[in-house]
Amino acid sequence: MKTILNRGSLLSIALVLLAAVIPLFTTSSYYQGLFILTFIWIVVNQGLNIILGFTGYTSLVQGGLFGVGAYITAICATTFGMNVWSAALIAIAGNGLIALTLALIVFRTSGHFFAILTLSMSLILDELFHNLAITGGNLGISGVPGLFPSSWPRETYYYFVLAVMLLAIAFVAWLRKSRLGYGLRGIGSNDRLAASVGVPLYVYKTASFVLSALFAGVGGVLYVYFTGFVSPAPFNVAASMACLLAVVIGGSGTLLGPVLGSILLVFLPAWLQNFQDYQLTIYGLAVILIIRFMPKGLVGLGRYFKRNKAVPKPAKTGGEEISLQR
């Protein structure tokens, strides 16, 4: 167990160091852009990890809440001409308030009913993005100013998003060891048992949903300031499904899982540009294979090989096979 944890820590450090030196080895805006998108998705998926991996509730509205953060930011910064930092804070706070309102509805259910309700909310948000005049309809909103002056080096935003991503991971790491985190994981394991030892189920579940939405809001802010444009396409139901698959593929309930899943989420479509119509099919097949062979996700890959390597093989002596089982 100790060895596995050390390997996970070393892999995390290696990934951070790799991300930090990327701008030093390539000036390609394409590859730097892919890494920025990866950092943003890691933030969003770490939020989903709180509600899914800790609390055990399958939320299918994370992509929609990601879009809410982006749209509120764009509207405040363009339509109302607000300061970019003020617009960001309002977007994140707005996401939290919307999630708090939704929690009053969704946590009256559980299991597959919860998933269906959050899926319905994702569909509603997608319709609002397409049809509201303030969102620009199908055309979206363009001309969103950058977070930093254009005279600053291009790598400034890269390292800013990297820093936000690390802070998000650090917060989730702290949350795991906090009283709230233990309560959330207790709910995920057995909510009745958690309630019997005094965990306020409704309060803790609501807190996990709001925290998840805040992370999505931060991701939306980072996304719209990176692209300078927002439209409904990146925030549809497929985006929520992609978030879910990324967390499950990487390893739900772990710190490293959403990181690995987000890397696949961004780079796999880039590698398979000629097969865009089959991306969700590929993700689905990956989920099936991982659930079948690696229930803990990609973070459990080391355990999987170690377990298989440790399986004893039948010994042979004198030309006869001796079974190790009795």
C-alpha atoms as a PDB file:
ATOM      1  CA  MET A   1       0.000   0.000   0.000  1.00  0.00           C
ATOM      2  CA  LYS A   2       2.797   2.347   0.914  1.00  0.00           C
ATOM      3  CA  THR A   3       4.598   1.624  -2.370  1.00  0.00           C
ATOM      4  CA  ILE A   4       1.453   2.351  -4.377  1.00  0.00           C
ATOM      5  CA  LEU A   5       0.972   5.673  -2.636  1.00  0.00           C
ATOM      6  CA  ASN A   6       4.595   6.632  -3.269  1.00  0.00           C
ATOM      7  CA  ARG A   7       4.249   5.785  -6.926  1.00  0.00           C
ATOM      8  CA  GLY A   8       1.081   7.869  -7.145  1.00  0.00           C
ATOM      9  CA  SER A   9       2.838  10.821  -5.515  1.00  0.00           C
ATOM     10  CA  LEU A  10       5.797  10.507  -7.861  1.00  0.00           C
ATOM     11  CA  LEU A  11       3.474  10.377 -10.864  1.00  0.00           C
ATOM     12  CA  SER A  12       1.650  13.485  -9.650  1.00  0.00           C
ATOM     13  CA  ILE A  13       4.915  15.387  -9.218  1.00  0.00           C
ATOM     14  CA  ALA A  14       6.087  14.258 -12.657  1.00  0.00           C
ATOM     15  CA  LEU A  15       2.855  15.463 -14.276  1.00  0.00           C
ATOM     16  CA  VAL A  16       3.094  18.859 -12.580  1.00  0.00           C
ATOM     17  CA  LEU A  17       6.737  19.289 -13.606  1.00  0.00           C
ATOM     18  CA  LEU A  18       5.879  18.270 -17.165  1.00  0.00           C
ATOM     19  CA  ALA A  19       3.042  20.792 -17.295  1.00  0.00           C
ATOM     20  CA  ALA A  20       5.303  23.538 -15.894  1.00  0.00           C
ATOM     21  CA  VAL A  21       8.007  23.093 -18.529  1.00  0.00           C
ATOM     22  CA  ILE A  22       5.770  22.645 -21.587  1.00  0.00           C
ATOM     23  CA  PRO A  23       6.008  26.348 -22.606  1.00  0.00           C
ATOM     24  CA  LEU A  24       9.789  26.073 -22.424  1.00  0.00           C
ATOM     25  CA  PHE A  25       9.881  23.297 -25.019  1.00  0.00           C
ATOM     26  CA  THR A  26       7.151  24.374 -27.413  1.00  0.00           C
ATOM     27  CA  THR A  27       5.899  27.738 -28.578  1.00  0.00           C
ATOM     28  CA  SER A  28       3.000  26.140 -30.456  1.00  0.00           C
ATOM     29  CA  SER A  29      -0.231  27.829 -29.433  1.00  0.00           C
ATOM     30  CA  TYR A  30      -2.057  24.615 -30.402  1.00  0.00           C
ATOM     31  CA  TYR A  31      -0.316  22.388 -27.861  1.00  0.00           C
ATOM     32  CA  GLN A  32      -0.295  25.046 -25.171  1.00  0.00           C
ATOM     33  CA  GLY A  33      -4.013  25.454 -25.804  1.00  0.00           C
ATOM     34  CA  LEU A  34      -4.575  21.718 -25.368  1.00  0.00           C
ATOM     35  CA  PHE A  35      -2.833  21.819 -22.019  1.00  0.00           C
ATOM     36  CA  ILE A  36      -4.827  24.866 -20.895  1.00  0.00           C
ATOM     37  CA  LEU A  37      -8.050  23.049 -21.798  1.00  0.00           C
ATOM     38  CA  THR A  38      -6.792  20.008 -19.897  1.00  0.00           C
ATOM     39  CA  PHE A  39      -6.155  22.118 -16.781  1.00  0.00           C
ATOM     40  CA  ILE A  40      -9.653  23.594 -17.055  1.00  0.00           C
ATOM     41  CA  TRP A  41     -11.283  20.183 -17.380  1.00  0.00           C
ATOM     42  CA  ILE A  42      -9.294  18.925 -14.408  1.00  0.00           C
ATOM     43  CA  VAL A  43     -10.831  21.715 -12.304  1.00  0.00           C
ATOM     44  CA  VAL A  44     -14.342  20.878 -13.545  1.00  0.00           C
ATOM     45  CA  ASN A  45     -13.873  17.132 -13.036  1.00  0.00           C
ATOM     46  CA  GLN A  46     -12.384  17.530  -9.579  1.00  0.00           C
ATOM     47  CA  GLY A  47     -15.680  19.215  -8.732  1.00  0.00           C
ATOM     48  CA  LEU A  48     -17.646  16.286 -10.131  1.00  0.00           C
ATOM     49  CA  ASN A  49     -15.370  13.997  -8.145  1.00  0.00           C
ATOM     50  CA  ILE A  50     -16.688  15.551  -4.925  1.00  0.00           C
ATOM     51  CA  ILE A  51     -20.323  14.709  -5.627  1.00  0.00           C
ATOM     52  CA  LEU A  52     -19.648  11.441  -7.495  1.00  0.00           C
ATOM     53  CA  GLY A  53     -16.489  10.024  -5.943  1.00  0.00           C
ATOM     54  CA  PHE A  54     -17.054  11.139  -2.359  1.00  0.00           C
ATOM     55  CA  THR A  55     -20.819  11.346  -1.911  1.00  0.00           C
ATOM     56  CA  GLY A  56     -21.708   8.634  -4.432  1.00  0.00           C
ATOM     57  CA  TYR A  57     -24.287  10.615  -6.441  1.00  0.00           C
ATOM     58  CA  THR A  58     -24.138  10.533 -10.245  1.00  0.00           C
ATOM     59  CA  SER A  59     -24.609  14.134 -11.367  1.00  0.00           C
ATOM     60  CA  LEU A  60     -25.275  14.665 -15.063  1.00  0.00           C
ATOM     61  CA  VAL A  61     -25.497  18.454 -14.932  1.00  0.00           C
ATOM     62  CA  GLN A  62     -21.790  19.287 -14.473  1.00  0.00           C
ATOM     63  CA  GLY A  63     -21.372  20.237 -18.136  1.00  0.00           C
ATOM     64  CA  GLY A  64     -24.399  22.548 -17.912  1.00  0.00           C
ATOM     65  CA  LEU A  65     -23.071  24.243 -14.761  1.00  0.00           C
ATOM     66  CA  PHE A  66     -19.734  24.617 -16.540  1.00  0.00           C
ATOM     67  CA  GLY A  67     -21.645  26.544 -19.212  1.00  0.00           C
ATOM     68  CA  VAL A  68     -23.486  28.675 -16.654  1.00  0.00           C
ATOM     69  CA  GLY A  69     -20.180  29.926 -15.296  1.00  0.00           C
ATOM     70  CA  ALA A  70     -18.948  30.734 -18.802  1.00  0.00           C
ATOM     71  CA  TYR A  71     -22.144  32.525 -19.848  1.00  0.00           C
ATOM     72  CA  ILE A  72     -22.475  34.613 -16.686  1.00  0.00           C
ATOM     73  CA  THR A  73     -18.871  35.725 -17.092  1.00  0.00           C
ATOM     74  CA  ALA A  74     -19.360  36.615 -20.760  1.00  0.00           C
ATOM     75  CA  ILE A  75     -22.613  38.499 -20.116  1.00  0.00           C
ATOM     76  CA  CYS A  76     -21.168  40.504 -17.228  1.00  0.00           C
ATOM     77  CA  ALA A  77     -17.956  41.338 -19.109  1.00  0.00           C
ATOM     78  CA  THR A  78     -19.599  42.286 -22.437  1.00  0.00           C
ATOM     79  CA  THR A  79     -23.255  43.221 -22.027  1.00  0.00           C
ATOM     80  CA  PHE A  80     -22.755  45.031 -18.715  1.00  0.00           C
ATOM     81  CA  GLY A  81     -19.126  46.036 -19.268  1.00  0.00           C
ATOM     82  CA  MET A  82     -17.991  44.884 -15.847  1.00  0.00           C
ATOM     83  CA  ASN A  83     -14.399  44.435 -14.726  1.00  0.00           C
ATOM     84  CA  VAL A  84     -13.142  40.966 -15.717  1.00  0.00           C
ATOM     85  CA  TRP A  85     -12.334  39.985 -12.142  1.00  0.00           C
ATOM     86  CA  SER A  86     -15.700  41.173 -10.844  1.00  0.00           C
ATOM     87  CA  ALA A  87     -17.428  39.242 -13.616  1.00  0.00           C
ATOM     88  CA  ALA A  88     -15.493  36.118 -12.609  1.00  0.00           C
ATOM     89  CA  LEU A  89     -16.494  36.403  -8.953  1.00  0.00           C
ATOM     90  CA  ILE A  90     -20.146  36.986  -9.850  1.00  0.00           C
ATOM     91  CA  ALA A  91     -20.120  33.954 -12.161  1.00  0.00           C
ATOM     92  CA  ILE A  92     -18.676  31.664  -9.498  1.00  0.00           C
ATOM     93  CA  ALA A  93     -21.074  32.947  -6.835  1.00  0.00           C
ATOM     94  CA  GLY A  94     -23.985  32.673  -9.284  1.00  0.00           C
ATOM     95  CA  ASN A  95     -23.113  29.061  -9.966  1.00  0.00           C
ATOM     96  CA  GLY A  96     -23.153  28.352  -6.254  1.00  0.00           C
ATOM     97  CA  LEU A  97     -26.577  29.969  -5.790  1.00  0.00           C
ATOM     98  CA  ILE A  98     -28.030  28.068  -8.749  1.00  0.00           C
ATOM     99  CA  ALA A  99     -26.655  24.796  -7.358  1.00  0.00           C
ATOM    100  CA  LEU A 100     -28.084  25.580  -3.926  1.00  0.00           C
ATOM    101  CA  THR A 101     -31.502  26.103  -5.521  1.00  0.00           C
ATOM    102  CA  LEU A 102     -31.256  22.908  -7.548  1.00  0.00           C
ATOM    103  CA  ALA A 103     -30.201  20.970  -4.451  1.00  0.00           C
ATOM    104  CA  LEU A 104     -33.590  21.710  -2.882  1.00  0.00           C
ATOM    105  CA  ILE A 105     -35.093  19.608  -5.676  1.00  0.00           C
ATOM    106  CA  VAL A 106     -32.581  16.901  -6.540  1.00  0.00           C
ATOM    107  CA  PHE A 107     -31.829  15.677  -3.030  1.00  0.00           C
ATOM    108  CA  ARG A 108     -35.423  14.728  -2.452  1.00  0.00           C
ATOM    109  CA  THR A 109     -34.488  11.734  -4.594  1.00  0.00           C
ATOM    110  CA  SER A 110     -31.575   9.319  -4.781  1.00  0.00           C
ATOM    111  CA  GLY A 111     -30.058   6.668  -7.010  1.00  0.00           C
ATOM    112  CA  HIS A 112     -31.147   6.645 -10.641  1.00  0.00           C
ATOM    113  CA  PHE A 113     -33.867   9.229  -9.928  1.00  0.00           C
ATOM    114  CA  PHE A 114     -31.147  11.704  -8.950  1.00  0.00           C
ATOM    115  CA  ALA A 115     -29.279  10.992 -12.193  1.00  0.00           C
ATOM    116  CA  ILE A 116     -32.468  11.452 -14.241  1.00  0.00           C
ATOM    117  CA  LEU A 117     -33.274  14.761 -12.529  1.00  0.00           C
ATOM    118  CA  THR A 118     -29.790  16.173 -13.081  1.00  0.00           C
ATOM    119  CA  LEU A 119     -29.921  14.981 -16.707  1.00  0.00           C
ATOM    120  CA  SER A 120     -33.206  16.848 -17.135  1.00  0.00           C
ATOM    121  CA  MET A 121     -31.637  19.979 -15.679  1.00  0.00           C
ATOM    122  CA  SER A 122     -28.756  19.654 -18.121  1.00  0.00           C
ATOM    123  CA  LEU A 123     -31.244  19.506 -20.990  1.00  0.00           C
ATOM    124  CA  ILE A 124     -33.065  22.591 -19.660  1.00  0.00           C
ATOM    125  CA  LEU A 125     -29.826  24.560 -19.386  1.00  0.00           C
ATOM    126  CA  ASP A 126     -28.899  23.555 -22.938  1.00  0.00           C
ATOM    127  CA  GLU A 127     -32.246  24.857 -24.190  1.00  0.00           C
ATOM    128  CA  LEU A 128     -31.754  28.133 -22.321  1.00  0.00           C
ATOM    129  CA  PHE A 129     -28.293  28.580 -23.816  1.00  0.00           C
ATOM    130  CA  HIS A 130     -29.760  28.130 -27.297  1.00  0.00           C
ATOM    131  CA  ASN A 131     -32.909  30.236 -26.959  1.00  0.00           C
ATOM    132  CA  LEU A 132     -32.381  33.121 -24.540  1.00  0.00           C
ATOM    133  CA  ALA A 133     -31.681  36.462 -26.199  1.00  0.00           C
ATOM    134  CA  ILE A 134     -29.117  37.430 -23.557  1.00  0.00           C
ATOM    135  CA  THR A 135     -27.033  34.332 -24.341  1.00  0.00           C
ATOM    136  CA  GLY A 136     -26.888  35.144 -28.046  1.00  0.00           C
ATOM    137  CA  GLY A 137     -28.758  31.998 -29.061  1.00  0.00           C
ATOM    138  CA  ASN A 138     -26.909  29.632 -31.372  1.00  0.00           C
ATOM    139  CA  LEU A 139     -24.389  32.353 -32.244  1.00  0.00           C
ATOM    140  CA  GLY A 140     -23.266  32.794 -28.658  1.00  0.00           C
ATOM    141  CA  ILE A 141     -21.339  35.762 -27.279  1.00  0.00           C
ATOM    142  CA  SER A 142     -18.096  37.000 -28.765  1.00  0.00           C
ATOM    143  CA  GLY A 143     -15.639  39.746 -27.888  1.00  0.00           C
ATOM    144  CA  VAL A 144     -15.047  38.615 -24.292  1.00  0.00           C
ATOM    145  CA  PRO A 145     -11.926  40.455 -23.046  1.00  0.00           C
ATOM    146  CA  GLY A 146      -8.929  38.581 -21.726  1.00  0.00           C
ATOM    147  CA  LEU A 147      -8.164  38.254 -18.057  1.00  0.00           C
ATOM    148  CA  PHE A 148      -4.725  39.827 -18.515  1.00  0.00           C
ATOM    149  CA  PRO A 149      -3.554  42.687 -20.781  1.00  0.00           C
ATOM    150  CA  SER A 150      -2.687  41.586 -24.313  1.00  0.00           C
ATOM    151  CA  SER A 151       0.794  43.075 -23.885  1.00  0.00           C
ATOM    152  CA  TRP A 152       1.632  40.419 -21.269  1.00  0.00           C
ATOM    153  CA  PRO A 153       3.438  37.229 -22.402  1.00  0.00           C
ATOM    154  CA  ARG A 154       1.146  34.570 -23.830  1.00  0.00           C
ATOM    155  CA  GLU A 155       2.381  32.067 -21.229  1.00  0.00           C
ATOM    156  CA  THR A 156       0.946  34.206 -18.405  1.00  0.00           C
ATOM    157  CA  TYR A 157      -2.516  32.729 -18.775  1.00  0.00           C
ATOM    158  CA  TYR A 158      -1.055  29.224 -19.124  1.00  0.00           C
ATOM    159  CA  TYR A 159       0.668  29.431 -15.744  1.00  0.00           C
ATOM    160  CA  PHE A 160      -2.332  31.161 -14.166  1.00  0.00           C
ATOM    161  CA  VAL A 161      -4.655  28.305 -15.157  1.00  0.00           C
ATOM    162  CA  LEU A 162      -2.037  25.776 -14.016  1.00  0.00           C
ATOM    163  CA  ALA A 163      -1.916  27.494 -10.608  1.00  0.00           C
ATOM    164  CA  VAL A 164      -5.720  27.467 -10.306  1.00  0.00           C
ATOM    165  CA  MET A 165      -5.750  23.767 -11.182  1.00  0.00           C
ATOM    166  CA  LEU A 166      -3.176  22.986  -8.481  1.00  0.00           C
ATOM    167  CA  LEU A 167      -5.185  24.984  -5.939  1.00  0.00           C
ATOM    168  CA  ALA A 168      -8.309  23.022  -6.897  1.00  0.00           C
ATOM    169  CA  ILE A 169      -6.501  19.708  -6.404  1.00  0.00           C
ATOM    170  CA  ALA A 170      -5.037  20.929  -3.112  1.00  0.00           C
ATOM    171  CA  PHE A 171      -8.513  21.889  -1.892  1.00  0.00           C
ATOM    172  CA  VAL A 172      -9.912  18.453  -2.744  1.00  0.00           C
ATOM    173  CA  ALA A 173      -6.941  16.844  -0.960  1.00  0.00           C
ATOM    174  CA  TRP A 174      -7.713  18.935   2.113  1.00  0.00           C
ATOM    175  CA  LEU A 175     -11.414  18.148   1.829  1.00  0.00           C
ATOM    176  CA  ARG A 176     -10.736  14.397   1.864  1.00  0.00           C
ATOM    177  CA  LYS A 177      -9.156  14.700   5.303  1.00  0.00           C
ATOM    178  CA  SER A 178     -11.627  17.213   6.724  1.00  0.00           C
ATOM    179  CA  ARG A 179     -14.685  16.446   8.809  1.00  0.00           C
ATOM    180  CA  LEU A 180     -16.905  17.286   5.846  1.00  0.00           C
ATOM    181  CA  GLY A 181     -14.883  14.983   3.605  1.00  0.00           C
ATOM    182  CA  TYR A 182     -15.154  12.053   5.998  1.00  0.00           C
ATOM    183  CA  GLY A 183     -18.885  12.685   6.238  1.00  0.00           C
ATOM    184  CA  LEU A 184     -19.277  12.785   2.444  1.00  0.00           C
ATOM    185  CA  ARG A 185     -17.354   9.549   2.012  1.00  0.00           C
ATOM    186  CA  GLY A 186     -19.402   8.011   4.776  1.00  0.00           C
ATOM    187  CA  ILE A 187     -22.571   8.940   2.865  1.00  0.00           C
ATOM    188  CA  GLY A 188     -21.074   7.425  -0.268  1.00  0.00           C
ATOM    189  CA  SER A 189     -20.336   4.179   1.536  1.00  0.00           C
ATOM    190  CA  ASN A 190     -23.541   3.831   3.560  1.00  0.00           C
ATOM    191  CA  ASP A 191     -25.811   6.826   4.084  1.00  0.00           C
ATOM    192  CA  ARG A 192     -27.935   5.119   6.750  1.00  0.00           C
ATOM    193  CA  LEU A 193     -24.871   4.245   8.779  1.00  0.00           C
ATOM    194  CA  ALA A 194     -23.573   7.799   8.333  1.00  0.00           C
ATOM    195  CA  ALA A 195     -26.885   9.196   9.576  1.00  0.00           C
ATOM    196  CA  SER A 196     -26.792   6.874  12.583  1.00  0.00           C
ATOM    197  CA  VAL A 197     -23.505   8.415  13.742  1.00  0.00           C
ATOM    198  CA  GLY A 198     -24.805  11.960  13.416  1.00  0.00           C
ATOM    199  CA  VAL A 199     -23.894  13.019   9.877  1.00  0.00           C
ATOM    200  CA  PRO A 200     -26.511  15.564   8.664  1.00  0.00           C
ATOM    201  CA  LEU A 201     -27.230  13.940   5.311  1.00  0.00           C
ATOM    202  CA  TYR A 202     -29.136  16.731   3.597  1.00  0.00           C
ATOM    203  CA  VAL A 203     -26.694  19.454   4.658  1.00  0.00           C
ATOM    204  CA  TYR A 204     -23.622  17.463   3.624  1.00  0.00           C
ATOM    205  CA  LYS A 205     -25.092  16.348   0.301  1.00  0.00           C
ATOM    206  CA  THR A 206     -26.113  19.910  -0.490  1.00  0.00           C
ATOM    207  CA  ALA A 207     -22.619  21.110   0.394  1.00  0.00           C
ATOM    208  CA  SER A 208     -21.072  18.559  -1.974  1.00  0.00           C
ATOM    209  CA  PHE A 209     -23.369  19.620  -4.820  1.00  0.00           C
ATOM    210  CA  VAL A 210     -22.636  23.320  -4.274  1.00  0.00           C
ATOM    211  CA  LEU A 211     -18.885  22.704  -4.103  1.00  0.00           C
ATOM    212  CA  SER A 212     -19.113  20.702  -7.315  1.00  0.00           C
ATOM    213  CA  ALA A 213     -20.915  23.614  -8.991  1.00  0.00           C
ATOM    214  CA  LEU A 214     -18.357  26.131  -7.725  1.00  0.00           C
ATOM    215  CA  PHE A 215     -15.595  24.125  -9.377  1.00  0.00           C
ATOM    216  CA  ALA A 216     -17.637  24.054 -12.595  1.00  0.00           C
ATOM    217  CA  GLY A 217     -18.077  27.825 -12.316  1.00  0.00           C
ATOM    218  CA  VAL A 218     -14.332  28.355 -11.956  1.00  0.00           C
ATOM    219  CA  GLY A 219     -13.813  26.168 -15.019  1.00  0.00           C
ATOM    220  CA  GLY A 220     -16.373  28.190 -16.973  1.00  0.00           C
ATOM    221  CA  VAL A 221     -14.627  31.449 -16.074  1.00  0.00           C
ATOM    222  CA  LEU A 222     -11.243  30.095 -17.153  1.00  0.00           C
ATOM    223  CA  TYR A 223     -12.703  28.705 -20.363  1.00  0.00           C
ATOM    224  CA  VAL A 224     -14.413  31.880 -21.576  1.00  0.00           C
ATOM    225  CA  TYR A 225     -11.401  34.072 -20.774  1.00  0.00           C
ATOM    226  CA  PHE A 226      -9.242  31.635 -22.717  1.00  0.00           C
ATOM    227  CA  THR A 227     -11.421  31.434 -25.844  1.00  0.00           C
ATOM    228  CA  GLY A 228     -12.895  34.966 -25.769  1.00  0.00           C
ATOM    229  CA  PHE A 229     -16.109  33.425 -27.048  1.00  0.00           C
ATOM    230  CA  VAL A 230     -18.927  31.284 -25.705  1.00  0.00           C
ATOM    231  CA  SER A 231     -21.605  29.238 -27.493  1.00  0.00           C
ATOM    232  CA  PRO A 232     -23.934  26.396 -26.437  1.00  0.00           C
ATOM    233  CA  ALA A 233     -21.996  23.560 -28.136  1.00  0.00           C
ATOM    234  CA  PRO A 234     -19.319  22.874 -25.464  1.00  0.00           C
ATOM    235  CA  PHE A 235     -21.867  22.698 -22.622  1.00  0.00           C
ATOM    236  CA  ASN A 236     -24.503  20.258 -23.841  1.00  0.00           C
ATOM    237  CA  VAL A 237     -25.450  16.889 -22.361  1.00  0.00           C
ATOM    238  CA  ALA A 238     -22.491  15.269 -24.114  1.00  0.00           C
ATOM    239  CA  ALA A 239     -20.200  17.494 -22.031  1.00  0.00           C
ATOM    240  CA  SER A 240     -21.788  16.205 -18.810  1.00  0.00           C
ATOM    241  CA  MET A 241     -21.371  12.638 -20.027  1.00  0.00           C
ATOM    242  CA  ALA A 242     -17.742  13.337 -20.934  1.00  0.00           C
ATOM    243  CA  CYS A 243     -17.147  14.646 -17.386  1.00  0.00           C
ATOM    244  CA  LEU A 244     -18.688  11.514 -15.924  1.00  0.00           C
ATOM    245  CA  LEU A 245     -16.631   9.233 -18.142  1.00  0.00           C
ATOM    246  CA  ALA A 246     -13.421  11.129 -17.395  1.00  0.00           C
ATOM    247  CA  VAL A 247     -13.865  10.724 -13.635  1.00  0.00           C
ATOM    248  CA  VAL A 248     -14.867   7.046 -13.900  1.00  0.00           C
ATOM    249  CA  ILE A 249     -12.080   6.193 -16.354  1.00  0.00           C
ATOM    250  CA  GLY A 250      -9.458   7.988 -14.259  1.00  0.00           C
ATOM    251  CA  GLY A 251     -10.640   6.698 -10.909  1.00  0.00           C
ATOM    252  CA  SER A 252     -13.613   8.030  -8.997  1.00  0.00           C
ATOM    253  CA  GLY A 253     -12.958   9.201  -5.458  1.00  0.00           C
ATOM    254  CA  THR A 254      -9.208   9.711  -5.978  1.00  0.00           C
ATOM    255  CA  LEU A 255      -7.148  12.846  -6.525  1.00  0.00           C
ATOM    256  CA  LEU A 256      -5.220  11.546  -9.513  1.00  0.00           C
ATOM    257  CA  GLY A 257      -8.194   9.951 -11.255  1.00  0.00           C
ATOM    258  CA  PRO A 258      -9.821  13.145 -12.614  1.00  0.00           C
ATOM    259  CA  VAL A 259      -6.379  14.301 -13.760  1.00  0.00           C
ATOM    260  CA  LEU A 260      -5.766  11.171 -15.843  1.00  0.00           C
ATOM    261  CA  GLY A 261      -9.349  11.138 -17.114  1.00  0.00           C
ATOM    262  CA  SER A 262      -9.181  14.793 -18.146  1.00  0.00           C
ATOM    263  CA  ILE A 263      -5.960  14.197 -20.063  1.00  0.00           C
ATOM    264  CA  LEU A 264      -7.752  11.520 -22.078  1.00  0.00           C
ATOM    265  CA  LEU A 265     -10.819  13.743 -22.434  1.00  0.00           C
ATOM    266  CA  VAL A 266      -8.794  16.463 -24.171  1.00  0.00           C
ATOM    267  CA  PHE A 267      -6.023  14.601 -25.964  1.00  0.00           C
ATOM    268  CA  LEU A 268      -7.947  11.538 -27.190  1.00  0.00           C
ATOM    269  CA  PRO A 269     -10.225  13.614 -29.493  1.00  0.00           C
ATOM    270  CA  ALA A 270      -7.131  15.496 -30.703  1.00  0.00           C
ATOM    271  CA  TRP A 271      -5.507  12.181 -31.594  1.00  0.00           C
ATOM    272  CA  LEU A 272      -8.681  10.820 -33.173  1.00  0.00           C
ATOM    273  CA  GLN A 273      -9.820  13.843 -35.167  1.00  0.00           C
ATOM    274  CA  ASN A 274     -10.914  11.636 -38.043  1.00  0.00           C
ATOM    275  CA  PHE A 275     -13.305   9.735 -35.757  1.00  0.00           C
ATOM    276  CA  GLN A 276     -15.148  12.605 -34.027  1.00  0.00           C
ATOM    277  CA  ASP A 277     -18.548  10.970 -34.554  1.00  0.00           C
ATOM    278  CA  TYR A 278     -17.419   7.987 -32.495  1.00  0.00           C
ATOM    279  CA  GLN A 279     -15.796   9.748 -29.539  1.00  0.00           C
ATOM    280  CA  LEU A 280     -18.511   8.879 -27.020  1.00  0.00           C
ATOM    281  CA  THR A 281     -18.539   5.316 -28.363  1.00  0.00           C
ATOM    282  CA  ILE A 282     -14.812   5.065 -27.708  1.00  0.00           C
ATOM    283  CA  TYR A 283     -15.271   6.522 -24.220  1.00  0.00           C
ATOM    284  CA  GLY A 284     -18.089   4.061 -23.571  1.00  0.00           C
ATOM    285  CA  LEU A 285     -15.984   1.090 -24.620  1.00  0.00           C
ATOM    286  CA  ALA A 286     -13.161   2.373 -22.437  1.00  0.00           C
ATOM    287  CA  VAL A 287     -15.519   2.571 -19.446  1.00  0.00           C
ATOM    288  CA  ILE A 288     -16.721  -0.992 -20.040  1.00  0.00           C
ATOM    289  CA  LEU A 289     -13.169  -2.325 -20.256  1.00  0.00           C
ATOM    290  CA  ILE A 290     -11.995  -0.372 -17.224  1.00  0.00           C
ATOM    291  CA  ILE A 291     -14.974  -1.423 -15.088  1.00  0.00           C
ATOM    292  CA  ARG A 292     -14.387  -5.023 -16.160  1.00  0.00           C
ATOM    293  CA  PHE A 293     -10.645  -5.174 -15.629  1.00  0.00           C
ATOM    294  CA  MET A 294      -9.841  -2.118 -13.463  1.00  0.00           C
ATOM    295  CA  PRO A 295     -12.803  -1.191 -11.230  1.00  0.00           C
ATOM    296  CA  LYS A 296     -10.674   1.503  -9.537  1.00  0.00           C
ATOM    297  CA  GLY A 297      -9.969   3.227 -12.869  1.00  0.00           C
ATOM    298  CA  LEU A 298      -6.594   4.073 -14.348  1.00  0.00           C
ATOM    299  CA  VAL A 299      -5.221   4.842 -10.889  1.00  0.00           C
ATOM    300  CA  GLY A 300      -5.740   1.158 -10.071  1.00  0.00           C
ATOM    301  CA  LEU A 301      -3.627   0.021 -13.011  1.00  0.00           C
ATOM    302  CA  GLY A 302      -0.620  -0.669 -10.785  1.00  0.00           C
ATOM    303  CA  ARG A 303      -2.716  -2.720  -8.372  1.00  0.00           C
ATOM    304  CA  TYR A 304      -4.178  -4.700 -11.271  1.00  0.00           C
ATOM    305  CA  PHE A 305      -0.800  -5.773 -12.629  1.00  0.00           C
ATOM    306  CA  LYS A 306       0.590  -6.364  -9.167  1.00  0.00           C
ATOM    307  CA  ARG A 307      -2.363  -8.576  -8.275  1.00  0.00           C
ATOM    308  CA  ASN A 308      -2.053 -10.607 -11.458  1.00  0.00           C
ATOM    309  CA  LYS A 309       1.690 -10.938 -10.991  1.00  0.00           C
ATOM    310  CA  ALA A 310       1.163 -12.232  -7.459  1.00  0.00           C
ATOM    311  CA  VAL A 311      -1.190 -15.037  -8.521  1.00  0.00           C
ATOM    312  CA  PRO A 312       0.711 -18.293  -7.833  1.00  0.00           C
ATOM    313  CA  LYS A 313       1.245 -20.653 -10.737  1.00  0.00           C
ATOM    314  CA  PRO A 314       0.990 -24.435 -10.433  1.00  0.00           C
ATOM    315  CA  ALA A 315       4.341 -25.997  -9.538  1.00  0.00           C
ATOM    316  CA  LYS A 316       5.749 -28.977 -11.355  1.00  0.00           C
ATOM    317  CA  THR A 317       7.962 -31.678  -9.969  1.00  0.00           C
ATOM    318  CA  GLY A 318       9.050 -34.962 -11.470  1.00  0.00           C
ATOM    319  CA  GLY A 319       7.033 -34.276 -14.616  1.00  0.00           C
ATOM    320  CA  GLU A 320       3.788 -34.082 -12.615  1.00  0.00           C
ATOM    321  CA  GLU A 321       1.801 -30.972 -11.850  1.00  0.00           C
ATOM    322  CA  ILE A 322       1.077 -30.316  -8.198  1.00  0.00           C
ATOM    323  CA  SER A 323      -1.950 -28.156  -7.473  1.00  0.00           C
ATOM    324  CA  LEU A 324      -1.478 -25.351  -4.966  1.00  0.00           C
ATOM    325  CA  GLN A 325      -5.140 -25.435  -4.030  1.00  0.00           C
ATOM    326  CA  ARG A 326      -6.713 -27.880  -1.638  1.00  0.00           C
END
